[in-house]
């Protein structure tokens, strides 16, 4: 089959672009100019179609990612509005206040239980140890939530 050699103007008409655009495509390495300054029409047509496909694929991937991000943001907003999603700082503050109030209640137990100073000291020590363990557990859970991990971890299964 004979090669169909055409000028930049004829190739531009064939591809429905300007001859200046043909020049840009040559500089970009999309189209190949023959040694005599003409273009192989069939080869350039295939190269141009491939160029268009590649460009469309990149744009459609970026568009798809942007649409996914918008959909995720909308999903999170709806979950927040429905009360199904709360922020870690809000949770940390609420749980911290509850734990502080609970700690204050626990601290009063030894004095309410006995007047015996040695026994009271023993109970206070056990209560303080329990409070410290609970505070450490709360701090670990908050750190896990903030990093996207499971706040309960394997301990919930072990405690059961």
Protein backbone atom coordinates (compact mmCIF):
# COMPACT_ATOMS: atom_id res chain seq x y z
CA UNK A 1 0.00 0.00 0.00
CA UNK A 2 1.42 3.38 -1.03
CA UNK A 3 2.14 5.85 1.69
CA UNK A 4 -0.03 8.90 1.57
CA UNK A 5 2.28 11.86 2.18
CA UNK A 6 0.66 15.17 3.04
CA UNK A 7 1.67 18.64 4.16
CA UNK A 8 1.05 20.03 7.65
CA UNK A 9 -1.91 22.03 6.30
CA UNK A 10 -3.48 18.94 4.66
CA UNK A 11 -2.89 16.86 7.81
CA UNK A 12 -4.45 19.61 9.91
CA UNK A 13 -7.55 19.63 7.68
CA UNK A 14 -7.74 15.85 7.88
CA UNK A 15 -7.48 15.86 11.72
CA UNK A 16 -9.64 19.01 12.02
CA UNK A 17 -6.90 21.05 13.69
CA UNK A 18 -4.76 24.01 12.60
CA UNK A 19 -1.34 23.65 11.03
CA UNK A 20 0.04 25.46 14.11
CA UNK A 21 -1.45 22.71 16.28
CA UNK A 22 0.25 20.14 14.04
CA UNK A 23 3.56 21.93 14.74
CA UNK A 24 2.94 21.74 18.51
CA UNK A 25 2.14 18.04 18.23
CA UNK A 26 5.41 17.48 16.33
CA UNK A 27 7.38 19.37 19.02
CA UNK A 28 5.64 17.31 21.72
CA UNK A 29 6.65 14.11 19.94
CA UNK A 30 3.07 13.07 19.21
CA UNK A 31 3.44 13.25 15.42
CA UNK A 32 6.50 12.37 13.36
CA UNK A 33 7.52 14.51 10.40
CA UNK A 34 9.21 12.69 7.53
CA UNK A 35 12.66 13.75 6.29
CA UNK A 36 11.15 15.61 3.31
CA UNK A 37 8.93 17.73 5.62
CA UNK A 38 5.70 15.87 4.88
CA UNK A 39 3.63 13.55 7.05
CA UNK A 40 2.49 9.95 6.59
CA UNK A 41 -1.28 10.49 6.78
CA UNK A 42 -2.20 7.00 8.07
CA UNK A 43 0.57 6.90 10.65
CA UNK A 44 -0.21 10.41 11.92
CA UNK A 45 -3.91 9.62 12.17
CA UNK A 46 -3.18 6.61 14.41
CA UNK A 47 -0.66 8.62 16.48
CA UNK A 48 -3.16 11.44 16.96
CA UNK A 49 -5.95 9.06 17.98
CA UNK A 50 -3.65 7.42 20.54
CA UNK A 51 -2.69 10.85 21.85
CA UNK A 52 -6.35 11.78 22.27
CA UNK A 53 -7.11 8.49 24.02
CA UNK A 54 -4.19 8.88 26.43
CA UNK A 55 -5.16 12.44 27.28
CA UNK A 56 -8.80 11.51 27.82
CA UNK A 57 -7.80 8.62 30.08
CA UNK A 58 -5.71 10.88 32.31
CA UNK A 59 -8.49 13.45 32.51
CA UNK A 60 -11.14 10.86 33.23
CA UNK A 61 -8.99 9.34 36.02
CA UNK A 62 -8.56 12.77 37.61
CA UNK A 63 -12.25 13.49 37.20
CA UNK A 64 -13.16 10.16 38.77
CA UNK A 65 -10.87 10.82 41.75
CA UNK A 66 -12.39 14.27 42.23
CA UNK A 67 -15.90 12.83 42.07
CA UNK A 68 -14.97 10.15 44.61
CA UNK A 69 -13.57 12.79 46.96
CA UNK A 70 -16.73 14.91 46.66
CA UNK A 71 -18.91 11.85 47.27
CA UNK A 72 -16.85 10.88 50.34
CA UNK A 73 -17.07 14.43 51.74
CA UNK A 74 -20.85 14.44 51.22
CA UNK A 75 -21.15 11.00 52.83
CA UNK A 76 -19.22 12.18 55.90
CA UNK A 77 -21.31 15.33 56.13
CA UNK A 78 -24.53 13.30 56.03
CA UNK A 79 -23.22 10.90 58.68
CA UNK A 80 -22.27 13.85 60.89
CA UNK A 81 -25.71 15.41 60.48
CA UNK A 82 -27.41 12.08 61.25
CA UNK A 83 -25.38 11.75 64.46
CA UNK A 84 -23.56 8.68 63.15
CA UNK A 85 -20.18 10.40 63.07
CA UNK A 86 -18.49 12.47 65.74
CA UNK A 87 -15.07 14.04 65.84
CA UNK A 88 -12.22 12.68 67.93
CA UNK A 89 -11.69 16.00 69.79
CA UNK A 90 -15.38 16.14 70.75
CA UNK A 91 -15.28 12.54 71.91
CA UNK A 92 -12.07 13.08 73.84
CA UNK A 93 -13.52 16.08 75.65
CA UNK A 94 -16.79 14.35 76.57
CA UNK A 95 -15.15 11.14 77.76
CA UNK A 96 -12.49 13.13 79.63
CA UNK A 97 -15.16 15.03 81.56
CA UNK A 98 -17.00 11.81 82.43
CA UNK A 99 -13.79 10.13 83.57
CA UNK A 100 -12.83 13.15 85.70
CA UNK A 101 -16.24 13.10 87.40
CA UNK A 102 -15.99 9.35 87.97
CA UNK A 103 -12.48 9.76 89.42
CA UNK A 104 -13.78 12.40 91.85
CA UNK A 105 -16.49 9.99 92.99
CA UNK A 106 -14.02 7.12 93.43
CA UNK A 107 -11.61 9.20 95.48
CA UNK A 108 -14.32 9.71 98.13
CA UNK A 109 -14.97 5.99 98.61
CA UNK A 110 -12.14 5.18 101.07
CA UNK A 111 -13.21 7.89 103.54
CA UNK A 112 -16.84 6.80 103.22
CA UNK A 113 -15.93 3.15 103.90
CA UNK A 114 -13.84 3.30 107.05
CA UNK A 115 -12.33 5.44 109.76
CA UNK A 116 -9.37 3.05 110.03
CA UNK A 117 -6.46 5.06 108.61
CA UNK A 118 -4.41 2.05 107.49
CA UNK A 119 -7.38 0.44 105.73
CA UNK A 120 -8.35 3.78 104.19
CA UNK A 121 -4.79 4.21 102.86
CA UNK A 122 -4.88 0.67 101.40
CA UNK A 123 -8.22 1.36 99.66
CA UNK A 124 -6.99 4.78 98.41
CA UNK A 125 -3.91 3.15 96.89
CA UNK A 126 -6.02 0.53 95.08
CA UNK A 127 -8.47 3.19 93.83
CA UNK A 128 -5.61 5.42 92.65
CA UNK A 129 -4.01 2.49 90.82
CA UNK A 130 -7.33 1.70 89.14
CA UNK A 131 -7.78 5.36 88.14
CA UNK A 132 -4.27 5.44 86.67
CA UNK A 133 -4.90 2.27 84.65
CA UNK A 134 -8.18 3.66 83.34
CA UNK A 135 -6.55 6.98 82.42
CA UNK A 136 -3.78 5.16 80.55
CA UNK A 137 -6.37 3.05 78.73
CA UNK A 138 -8.31 6.19 77.79
CA UNK A 139 -5.15 7.87 76.48
CA UNK A 140 -4.34 4.78 74.37
CA UNK A 141 -7.89 4.65 72.97
CA UNK A 142 -7.80 8.34 72.04
CA UNK A 143 -4.42 7.92 70.32
CA UNK A 144 -5.76 4.90 68.41
CA UNK A 145 -8.87 6.79 67.30
CA UNK A 146 -6.80 9.77 66.19
CA UNK A 147 -4.63 7.52 64.01
CA UNK A 148 -7.62 5.66 62.55
CA UNK A 149 -7.03 2.43 64.44
CA UNK A 150 -9.47 0.35 66.48
CA UNK A 151 -9.82 2.05 69.88
CA UNK A 152 -10.62 -1.18 71.67
CA UNK A 153 -8.08 -3.37 69.93
CA UNK A 154 -7.76 -6.98 71.03
CA UNK A 155 -8.34 -6.06 74.69
CA UNK A 156 -12.10 -6.01 74.20
CA UNK A 157 -12.02 -9.67 73.13
CA UNK A 158 -9.67 -10.59 75.97
CA UNK A 159 -11.83 -8.82 78.58
CA UNK A 160 -14.95 -10.76 77.50
